Amino acid sequence: WGRPEDWNGSDPRPTLKATTTKPASDVAGESSAAMA
């Protein structure tokens, strides 16, 4: 609980990466709609 400017956790922060073996049709479809 604090300012994002004062973050003291993981650096860099962890990420989740969708690929052909870890699909994300829902997020990819919505991201496509947003960008279109």
PDB file of all heavy atoms in Angstrom:
ATOM      1  N   TRP A   1       0.866  -1.180   0.000  1.00  0.00           N
ATOM      2  CA  TRP A   1       0.000   0.000   0.000  1.00  0.00           C
ATOM      3  C   TRP A   1       0.902   1.230   0.000  1.00  0.00           C
ATOM      4  O   TRP A   1       1.577   1.528   0.978  1.00  0.00           O
ATOM      5  CB  TRP A   1      -0.948   0.039   1.192  1.00  0.00           C
ATOM      6  CG  TRP A   1      -1.994   1.096   1.000  1.00  0.00           C
ATOM      7  CD1 TRP A   1      -1.889   2.416   1.314  1.00  0.00           C
ATOM      8  CD2 TRP A   1      -3.270   0.937   0.369  1.00  0.00           C
ATOM      9  NE1 TRP A   1      -3.021   3.098   0.934  1.00  0.00           N
ATOM     10  CE2 TRP A   1      -3.899   2.210   0.355  1.00  0.00           C
ATOM     11  CE3 TRP A   1      -3.954  -0.154  -0.170  1.00  0.00           C
ATOM     12  CZ2 TRP A   1      -5.166   2.410  -0.181  1.00  0.00           C
ATOM     13  CZ3 TRP A   1      -5.211   0.053  -0.698  1.00  0.00           C
ATOM     14  CH2 TRP A   1      -5.811   1.322  -0.702  1.00  0.00           C
ATOM     15  N   GLY A   2       0.921   1.917  -1.101  1.00  0.00           N
ATOM     16  CA  GLY A   2       1.762   3.101  -1.217  1.00  0.00           C
ATOM     17  C   GLY A   2       1.695   3.647  -2.628  1.00  0.00           C
ATOM     18  O   GLY A   2       0.933   3.166  -3.476  1.00  0.00           O
ATOM     19  N   ARG A   3       2.501   4.639  -2.884  1.00  0.00           N
ATOM     20  CA  ARG A   3       2.541   5.252  -4.217  1.00  0.00           C
ATOM     21  C   ARG A   3       3.221   4.313  -5.216  1.00  0.00           C
ATOM     22  O   ARG A   3       4.194   3.643  -4.868  1.00  0.00           O
ATOM     23  CB  ARG A   3       3.321   6.569  -4.175  1.00  0.00           C
ATOM     24  CG  ARG A   3       2.880   7.565  -3.137  1.00  0.00           C
ATOM     25  CD  ARG A   3       3.808   8.776  -3.147  1.00  0.00           C
ATOM     26  NE  ARG A   3       3.524   9.664  -2.035  1.00  0.00           N
ATOM     27  CZ  ARG A   3       4.087   9.577  -0.828  1.00  0.00           C
ATOM     28  NH1 ARG A   3       4.987   8.618  -0.598  1.00  0.00           N
ATOM     29  NH2 ARG A   3       3.777  10.429   0.120  1.00  0.00           N
ATOM     30  N   PRO A   4       2.770   4.304  -6.456  1.00  0.00           N
ATOM     31  CA  PRO A   4       3.498   3.509  -7.449  1.00  0.00           C
ATOM     32  C   PRO A   4       4.917   4.026  -7.642  1.00  0.00           C
ATOM     33  O   PRO A   4       5.822   3.254  -7.981  1.00  0.00           O
ATOM     34  CB  PRO A   4       2.661   3.676  -8.721  1.00  0.00           C
ATOM     35  CG  PRO A   4       1.883   4.934  -8.518  1.00  0.00           C
ATOM     36  CD  PRO A   4       1.615   5.001  -7.051  1.00  0.00           C
ATOM     37  N   GLU A   5       5.107   5.322  -7.425  1.00  0.00           N
ATOM     38  CA  GLU A   5       6.450   5.910  -7.546  1.00  0.00           C
ATOM     39  C   GLU A   5       7.412   5.354  -6.496  1.00  0.00           C
ATOM     40  O   GLU A   5       8.637   5.444  -6.649  1.00  0.00           O
ATOM     41  CB  GLU A   5       6.374   7.435  -7.401  1.00  0.00           C
ATOM     42  CG  GLU A   5       5.625   8.146  -8.519  1.00  0.00           C
ATOM     43  CD  GLU A   5       4.127   8.176  -8.330  1.00  0.00           C
ATOM     44  OE1 GLU A   5       3.616   7.622  -7.311  1.00  0.00           O
ATOM     45  OE2 GLU A   5       3.427   8.762  -9.188  1.00  0.00           O
ATOM     46  N   ASP A   6       6.872   4.775  -5.411  1.00  0.00           N
ATOM     47  CA  ASP A   6       7.697   4.257  -4.310  1.00  0.00           C
ATOM     48  C   ASP A   6       7.731   2.733  -4.283  1.00  0.00           C
ATOM     49  O   ASP A   6       8.097   2.143  -3.269  1.00  0.00           O
ATOM     50  CB  ASP A   6       7.144   4.766  -2.966  1.00  0.00           C
ATOM     51  CG  ASP A   6       7.171   6.272  -2.840  1.00  0.00           C
ATOM     52  OD1 ASP A   6       7.981   6.914  -3.532  1.00  0.00           O
ATOM     53  OD2 ASP A   6       6.374   6.819  -2.038  1.00  0.00           O
ATOM     54  N   TRP A   7       7.363   2.101  -5.365  1.00  0.00           N
ATOM     55  CA  TRP A   7       7.305   0.635  -5.414  1.00  0.00           C
ATOM     56  C   TRP A   7       8.605   0.016  -4.929  1.00  0.00           C
ATOM     57  O   TRP A   7       9.703   0.405  -5.354  1.00  0.00           O
ATOM     58  CB  TRP A   7       7.012   0.190  -6.842  1.00  0.00           C
ATOM     59  CG  TRP A   7       7.100  -1.289  -7.096  1.00  0.00           C
ATOM     60  CD1 TRP A   7       8.066  -1.955  -7.760  1.00  0.00           C
ATOM     61  CD2 TRP A   7       6.142  -2.276  -6.689  1.00  0.00           C
ATOM     62  NE1 TRP A   7       7.796  -3.302  -7.814  1.00  0.00           N
ATOM     63  CE2 TRP A   7       6.612  -3.521  -7.155  1.00  0.00           C
ATOM     64  CE3 TRP A   7       4.944  -2.229  -5.976  1.00  0.00           C
ATOM     65  CZ2 TRP A   7       5.925  -4.715  -6.934  1.00  0.00           C
ATOM     66  CZ3 TRP A   7       4.248  -3.415  -5.758  1.00  0.00           C
ATOM     67  CH2 TRP A   7       4.744  -4.642  -6.237  1.00  0.00           C
ATOM     68  N   ASN A   8       8.491  -0.990  -4.037  1.00  0.00           N
ATOM     69  CA  ASN A   8       9.679  -1.653  -3.496  1.00  0.00           C
ATOM     70  C   ASN A   8       9.633  -3.165  -3.698  1.00  0.00           C
ATOM     71  O   ASN A   8      10.339  -3.903  -3.026  1.00  0.00           O
ATOM     72  CB  ASN A   8       9.843  -1.326  -2.010  1.00  0.00           C
ATOM     73  CG  ASN A   8       8.636  -1.736  -1.178  1.00  0.00           C
ATOM     74  OD1 ASN A   8       7.807  -2.517  -1.633  1.00  0.00           O
ATOM     75  ND2 ASN A   8       8.538  -1.217   0.036  1.00  0.00           N
ATOM     76  N   GLY A   9       8.818  -3.615  -4.650  1.00  0.00           N
ATOM     77  CA  GLY A   9       8.707  -5.043  -4.913  1.00  0.00           C
ATOM     78  C   GLY A   9       9.596  -5.473  -6.066  1.00  0.00           C
ATOM     79  O   GLY A   9      10.676  -4.891  -6.311  1.00  0.00           O
ATOM     80  N   SER A  10       9.175  -6.496  -6.778  1.00  0.00           N
ATOM     81  CA  SER A  10       9.967  -7.064  -7.874  1.00  0.00           C
ATOM     82  C   SER A  10      10.324  -5.997  -8.898  1.00  0.00           C
ATOM     83  O   SER A  10       9.499  -5.168  -9.269  1.00  0.00           O
ATOM     84  CB  SER A  10       9.170  -8.172  -8.570  1.00  0.00           C
ATOM     85  OG  SER A  10       8.873  -9.211  -7.686  1.00  0.00           O
ATOM     86  N   ASP A  11      11.556  -6.046  -9.354  1.00  0.00           N
ATOM     87  CA  ASP A  11      12.027  -5.078 -10.343  1.00  0.00           C
ATOM     88  C   ASP A  11      13.062  -5.767 -11.235  1.00  0.00           C
ATOM     89  O   ASP A  11      14.166  -6.047 -10.779  1.00  0.00           O
ATOM     90  CB  ASP A  11      12.640  -3.864  -9.646  1.00  0.00           C
ATOM     91  CG  ASP A  11      13.019  -2.757 -10.620  1.00  0.00           C
ATOM     92  OD1 ASP A  11      12.511  -2.791 -11.756  1.00  0.00           O
ATOM     93  OD2 ASP A  11      13.818  -1.889 -10.237  1.00  0.00           O
ATOM     94  N   PRO A  12      12.723  -6.042 -12.485  1.00  0.00           N
ATOM     95  CA  PRO A  12      11.449  -5.761 -13.157  1.00  0.00           C
ATOM     96  C   PRO A  12      10.315  -6.652 -12.658  1.00  0.00           C
ATOM     97  O   PRO A  12      10.564  -7.693 -12.038  1.00  0.00           O
ATOM     98  CB  PRO A  12      11.765  -6.032 -14.621  1.00  0.00           C
ATOM     99  CG  PRO A  12      12.838  -7.070 -14.583  1.00  0.00           C
ATOM    100  CD  PRO A  12      13.679  -6.722 -13.385  1.00  0.00           C
ATOM    101  N   ARG A  13       9.103  -6.238 -12.938  1.00  0.00           N
ATOM    102  CA  ARG A  13       7.945  -6.992 -12.486  1.00  0.00           C
ATOM    103  C   ARG A  13       7.722  -8.221 -13.374  1.00  0.00           C
ATOM    104  O   ARG A  13       8.075  -8.218 -14.561  1.00  0.00           O
ATOM    105  CB  ARG A  13       6.705  -6.095 -12.504  1.00  0.00           C
ATOM    106  CG  ARG A  13       6.804  -4.923 -11.539  1.00  0.00           C
ATOM    107  CD  ARG A  13       5.478  -4.223 -11.350  1.00  0.00           C
ATOM    108  NE  ARG A  13       4.996  -3.546 -12.541  1.00  0.00           N
ATOM    109  CZ  ARG A  13       3.793  -2.966 -12.627  1.00  0.00           C
ATOM    110  NH1 ARG A  13       2.955  -3.013 -11.600  1.00  0.00           N
ATOM    111  NH2 ARG A  13       3.425  -2.343 -13.737  1.00  0.00           N
ATOM    112  N   PRO A  14       7.100  -9.259 -12.824  1.00  0.00           N
ATOM    113  CA  PRO A  14       6.835 -10.463 -13.624  1.00  0.00           C
ATOM    114  C   PRO A  14       5.776 -10.186 -14.696  1.00  0.00           C
ATOM    115  O   PRO A  14       4.954  -9.273 -14.568  1.00  0.00           O
ATOM    116  CB  PRO A  14       6.327 -11.475 -12.597  1.00  0.00           C
ATOM    117  CG  PRO A  14       5.811 -10.649 -11.468  1.00  0.00           C
ATOM    118  CD  PRO A  14       6.666  -9.413 -11.417  1.00  0.00           C
ATOM    119  N   THR A  15       5.810 -10.987 -15.747  1.00  0.00           N
ATOM    120  CA  THR A  15       4.858 -10.842 -16.852  1.00  0.00           C
ATOM    121  C   THR A  15       4.240 -12.198 -17.183  1.00  0.00           C
ATOM    122  O   THR A  15       4.793 -13.249 -16.847  1.00  0.00           O
ATOM    123  CB  THR A  15       5.543 -10.298 -18.110  1.00  0.00           C
ATOM    124  OG1 THR A  15       6.574 -11.221 -18.516  1.00  0.00           O
ATOM    125  CG2 THR A  15       6.163  -8.929 -17.855  1.00  0.00           C
ATOM    126  N   LEU A  16       3.106 -12.157 -17.852  1.00  0.00           N
ATOM    127  CA  LEU A  16       2.462 -13.355 -18.378  1.00  0.00           C
ATOM    128  C   LEU A  16       2.361 -13.199 -19.887  1.00  0.00           C
ATOM    129  O   LEU A  16       1.785 -12.225 -20.379  1.00  0.00           O
ATOM    130  CB  LEU A  16       1.068 -13.547 -17.765  1.00  0.00           C
ATOM    131  CG  LEU A  16       1.009 -13.719 -16.241  1.00  0.00           C
ATOM    132  CD1 LEU A  16      -0.436 -13.882 -15.782  1.00  0.00           C
ATOM    133  CD2 LEU A  16       1.854 -14.890 -15.783  1.00  0.00           C
ATOM    134  N   LYS A  17       2.905 -14.168 -20.603  1.00  0.00           N
ATOM    135  CA  LYS A  17       3.055 -14.071 -22.051  1.00  0.00           C
ATOM    136  C   LYS A  17       2.260 -15.175 -22.746  1.00  0.00           C
ATOM    137  O   LYS A  17       2.563 -16.362 -22.598  1.00  0.00           O
ATOM    138  CB  LYS A  17       4.541 -14.175 -22.403  1.00  0.00           C
ATOM    139  CG  LYS A  17       4.880 -14.180 -23.876  1.00  0.00           C
ATOM    140  CD  LYS A  17       6.390 -14.359 -24.022  1.00  0.00           C
ATOM    141  CE  LYS A  17       6.817 -14.499 -25.463  1.00  0.00           C
ATOM    142  NZ  LYS A  17       8.298 -14.715 -25.564  1.00  0.00           N
ATOM    143  N   ALA A  18       1.232 -14.798 -23.480  1.00  0.00           N
ATOM    144  CA  ALA A  18       0.451 -15.758 -24.263  1.00  0.00           C
ATOM    145  C   ALA A  18       1.173 -16.068 -25.569  1.00  0.00           C
ATOM    146  O   ALA A  18       1.714 -15.175 -26.234  1.00  0.00           O
ATOM    147  CB  ALA A  18      -0.938 -15.207 -24.551  1.00  0.00           C
ATOM    148  N   THR A  19       1.182 -17.345 -25.929  1.00  0.00           N
ATOM    149  CA  THR A  19       1.846 -17.815 -27.146  1.00  0.00           C
ATOM    150  C   THR A  19       0.974 -18.895 -27.793  1.00  0.00           C
ATOM    151  O   THR A  19      -0.137 -19.172 -27.329  1.00  0.00           O
ATOM    152  CB  THR A  19       3.230 -18.414 -26.820  1.00  0.00           C
ATOM    153  OG1 THR A  19       3.030 -19.555 -25.957  1.00  0.00           O
ATOM    154  CG2 THR A  19       4.125 -17.407 -26.120  1.00  0.00           C
ATOM    155  N   THR A  20       1.497 -19.527 -28.822  1.00  0.00           N
ATOM    156  CA  THR A  20       0.735 -20.599 -29.482  1.00  0.00           C
ATOM    157  C   THR A  20       0.522 -21.791 -28.556  1.00  0.00           C
ATOM    158  O   THR A  20      -0.452 -22.534 -28.723  1.00  0.00           O
ATOM    159  CB  THR A  20       1.455 -21.062 -30.752  1.00  0.00           C
ATOM    160  OG1 THR A  20       2.782 -21.485 -30.410  1.00  0.00           O
ATOM    161  CG2 THR A  20       1.545 -19.925 -31.766  1.00  0.00           C
ATOM    162  N   THR A  21       1.398 -21.985 -27.590  1.00  0.00           N
ATOM    163  CA  THR A  21       1.238 -23.095 -26.636  1.00  0.00           C
ATOM    164  C   THR A  21       0.549 -22.666 -25.360  1.00  0.00           C
ATOM    165  O   THR A  21       0.149 -23.518 -24.556  1.00  0.00           O
ATOM    166  CB  THR A  21       2.611 -23.708 -26.294  1.00  0.00           C
ATOM    167  OG1 THR A  21       3.461 -22.684 -25.755  1.00  0.00           O
ATOM    168  CG2 THR A  21       3.255 -24.313 -27.529  1.00  0.00           C
ATOM    169  N   LYS A  22       0.424 -21.384 -25.146  1.00  0.00           N
ATOM    170  CA  LYS A  22      -0.340 -20.829 -24.023  1.00  0.00           C
ATOM    171  C   LYS A  22      -1.317 -19.801 -24.598  1.00  0.00           C
ATOM    172  O   LYS A  22      -1.083 -18.599 -24.530  1.00  0.00           O
ATOM    173  CB  LYS A  22       0.579 -20.190 -22.987  1.00  0.00           C
ATOM    174  CG  LYS A  22       1.398 -21.195 -22.195  1.00  0.00           C
ATOM    175  CD  LYS A  22       2.145 -20.512 -21.059  1.00  0.00           C
ATOM    176  CE  LYS A  22       2.852 -21.530 -20.177  1.00  0.00           C
ATOM    177  NZ  LYS A  22       3.531 -20.878 -19.021  1.00  0.00           N
ATOM    178  N   PRO A  23      -2.403 -20.276 -25.182  1.00  0.00           N
ATOM    179  CA  PRO A  23      -3.298 -19.364 -25.910  1.00  0.00           C
ATOM    180  C   PRO A  23      -4.098 -18.457 -24.980  1.00  0.00           C
ATOM    181  O   PRO A  23      -4.239 -18.720 -23.784  1.00  0.00           O
ATOM    182  CB  PRO A  23      -4.213 -20.315 -26.675  1.00  0.00           C
ATOM    183  CG  PRO A  23      -4.226 -21.572 -25.853  1.00  0.00           C
ATOM    184  CD  PRO A  23      -2.849 -21.679 -25.256  1.00  0.00           C
ATOM    185  N   ALA A  24      -4.630 -17.406 -25.577  1.00  0.00           N
ATOM    186  CA  ALA A  24      -5.455 -16.435 -24.855  1.00  0.00           C
ATOM    187  C   ALA A  24      -6.446 -15.827 -25.849  1.00  0.00           C
ATOM    188  O   ALA A  24      -6.391 -14.640 -26.152  1.00  0.00           O
ATOM    189  CB  ALA A  24      -4.582 -15.356 -24.217  1.00  0.00           C
ATOM    190  N   SER A  25      -7.352 -16.665 -26.350  1.00  0.00           N
ATOM    191  CA  SER A  25      -8.280 -16.213 -27.385  1.00  0.00           C
ATOM    192  C   SER A  25      -9.155 -15.067 -26.898  1.00  0.00           C
ATOM    193  O   SER A  25      -9.505 -14.165 -27.671  1.00  0.00           O
ATOM    194  CB  SER A  25      -9.157 -17.370 -27.855  1.00  0.00           C
ATOM    195  OG  SER A  25      -8.390 -18.384 -28.441  1.00  0.00           O
ATOM    196  N   ASP A  26      -9.524 -15.095 -25.622  1.00  0.00           N
ATOM    197  CA  ASP A  26     -10.372 -14.060 -25.055  1.00  0.00           C
ATOM    198  C   ASP A  26      -9.670 -12.710 -25.031  1.00  0.00           C
ATOM    199  O   ASP A  26     -10.200 -11.691 -25.503  1.00  0.00           O
ATOM    200  CB  ASP A  26     -10.840 -14.458 -23.648  1.00  0.00           C
ATOM    201  CG  ASP A  26      -9.785 -15.225 -22.864  1.00  0.00           C
ATOM    202  OD1 ASP A  26      -8.582 -15.142 -23.214  1.00  0.00           O
ATOM    203  OD2 ASP A  26     -10.151 -15.909 -21.891  1.00  0.00           O
ATOM    204  N   VAL A  27      -8.448 -12.690 -24.496  1.00  0.00           N
ATOM    205  CA  VAL A  27      -7.713 -11.424 -24.380  1.00  0.00           C
ATOM    206  C   VAL A  27      -7.255 -10.938 -25.757  1.00  0.00           C
ATOM    207  O   VAL A  27      -7.321  -9.741 -26.059  1.00  0.00           O
ATOM    208  CB  VAL A  27      -6.505 -11.567 -23.430  1.00  0.00           C
ATOM    209  CG1 VAL A  27      -5.880 -10.203 -23.178  1.00  0.00           C
ATOM    210  CG2 VAL A  27      -6.933 -12.201 -22.110  1.00  0.00           C
ATOM    211  N   ALA A  28      -6.815 -11.862 -26.595  1.00  0.00           N
ATOM    212  CA  ALA A  28      -6.391 -11.471 -27.939  1.00  0.00           C
ATOM    213  C   ALA A  28      -7.568 -10.945 -28.747  1.00  0.00           C
ATOM    214  O   ALA A  28      -7.453  -9.947 -29.473  1.00  0.00           O
ATOM    215  CB  ALA A  28      -5.738 -12.651 -28.653  1.00  0.00           C
ATOM    216  N   GLY A  29      -8.734 -11.587 -28.617  1.00  0.00           N
ATOM    217  CA  GLY A  29      -9.911 -11.118 -29.336  1.00  0.00           C
ATOM    218  C   GLY A  29     -10.343  -9.741 -28.878  1.00  0.00           C
ATOM    219  O   GLY A  29     -10.660  -8.874 -29.706  1.00  0.00           O
ATOM    220  N   GLU A  30     -10.359  -9.510 -27.568  1.00  0.00           N
ATOM    221  CA  GLU A  30     -10.750  -8.190 -27.067  1.00  0.00           C
ATOM    222  C   GLU A  30      -9.722  -7.137 -27.438  1.00  0.00           C
ATOM    223  O   GLU A  30     -10.080  -5.994 -27.775  1.00  0.00           O
ATOM    224  CB  GLU A  30     -10.933  -8.234 -25.555  1.00  0.00           C
ATOM    225  CG  GLU A  30     -11.422  -6.932 -24.955  1.00  0.00           C
ATOM    226  CD  GLU A  30     -12.791  -6.511 -25.492  1.00  0.00           C
ATOM    227  OE1 GLU A  30     -13.790  -7.175 -25.189  1.00  0.00           O
ATOM    228  OE2 GLU A  30     -12.838  -5.502 -26.216  1.00  0.00           O
ATOM    229  N   SER A  31      -8.435  -7.473 -27.386  1.00  0.00           N
ATOM    230  CA  SER A  31      -7.396  -6.523 -27.786  1.00  0.00           C
ATOM    231  C   SER A  31      -7.518  -6.186 -29.257  1.00  0.00           C
ATOM    232  O   SER A  31      -7.315  -5.034 -29.670  1.00  0.00           O
ATOM    233  CB  SER A  31      -6.009  -7.095 -27.479  1.00  0.00           C
ATOM    234  OG  SER A  31      -5.846  -7.342 -26.089  1.00  0.00           O
ATOM    235  N   SER A  32      -7.877  -7.181 -30.073  1.00  0.00           N
ATOM    236  CA  SER A  32      -8.113  -6.941 -31.493  1.00  0.00           C
ATOM    237  C   SER A  32      -9.269  -5.971 -31.689  1.00  0.00           C
ATOM    238  O   SER A  32      -9.178  -5.025 -32.492  1.00  0.00           O
ATOM    239  CB  SER A  32      -8.425  -8.270 -32.196  1.00  0.00           C
ATOM    240  OG  SER A  32      -8.870  -8.046 -33.511  1.00  0.00           O
ATOM    241  N   ALA A  33     -10.369  -6.188 -30.966  1.00  0.00           N
ATOM    242  CA  ALA A  33     -11.521  -5.294 -31.072  1.00  0.00           C
ATOM    243  C   ALA A  33     -11.140  -3.868 -30.704  1.00  0.00           C
ATOM    244  O   ALA A  33     -11.518  -2.906 -31.391  1.00  0.00           O
ATOM    245  CB  ALA A  33     -12.650  -5.799 -30.174  1.00  0.00           C
ATOM    246  N   ALA A  34     -10.387  -3.727 -29.618  1.00  0.00           N
ATOM    247  CA  ALA A  34      -9.974  -2.390 -29.168  1.00  0.00           C
ATOM    248  C   ALA A  34      -9.150  -1.682 -30.232  1.00  0.00           C
ATOM    249  O   ALA A  34      -9.373  -0.497 -30.527  1.00  0.00           O
ATOM    250  CB  ALA A  34      -9.183  -2.502 -27.869  1.00  0.00           C
ATOM    251  N   MET A  35      -8.216  -2.400 -30.830  1.00  0.00           N
ATOM    252  CA  MET A  35      -7.314  -1.768 -31.794  1.00  0.00           C
ATOM    253  C   MET A  35      -8.015  -1.499 -33.121  1.00  0.00           C
ATOM    254  O   MET A  35      -7.744  -0.491 -33.785  1.00  0.00           O
ATOM    255  CB  MET A  35      -6.061  -2.620 -31.967  1.00  0.00           C
ATOM    256  CG  MET A  35      -5.281  -2.747 -30.662  1.00  0.00           C
ATOM    257  SD  MET A  35      -3.760  -3.719 -30.757  1.00  0.00           S
ATOM    258  CE  MET A  35      -2.556  -2.422 -31.034  1.00  0.00           C
ATOM    259  N   ALA A  36      -8.951  -2.363 -33.505  1.00  0.00           N
ATOM    260  CA  ALA A  36      -9.733  -2.102 -34.718  1.00  0.00           C
ATOM    261  C   ALA A  36     -10.607  -0.865 -34.527  1.00  0.00           C
ATOM    262  O   ALA A  36     -10.676   0.010 -35.408  1.00  0.00           O
ATOM    263  CB  ALA A  36     -10.595  -3.319 -35.053  1.00  0.00           C
TER     264      ALA A  36
END
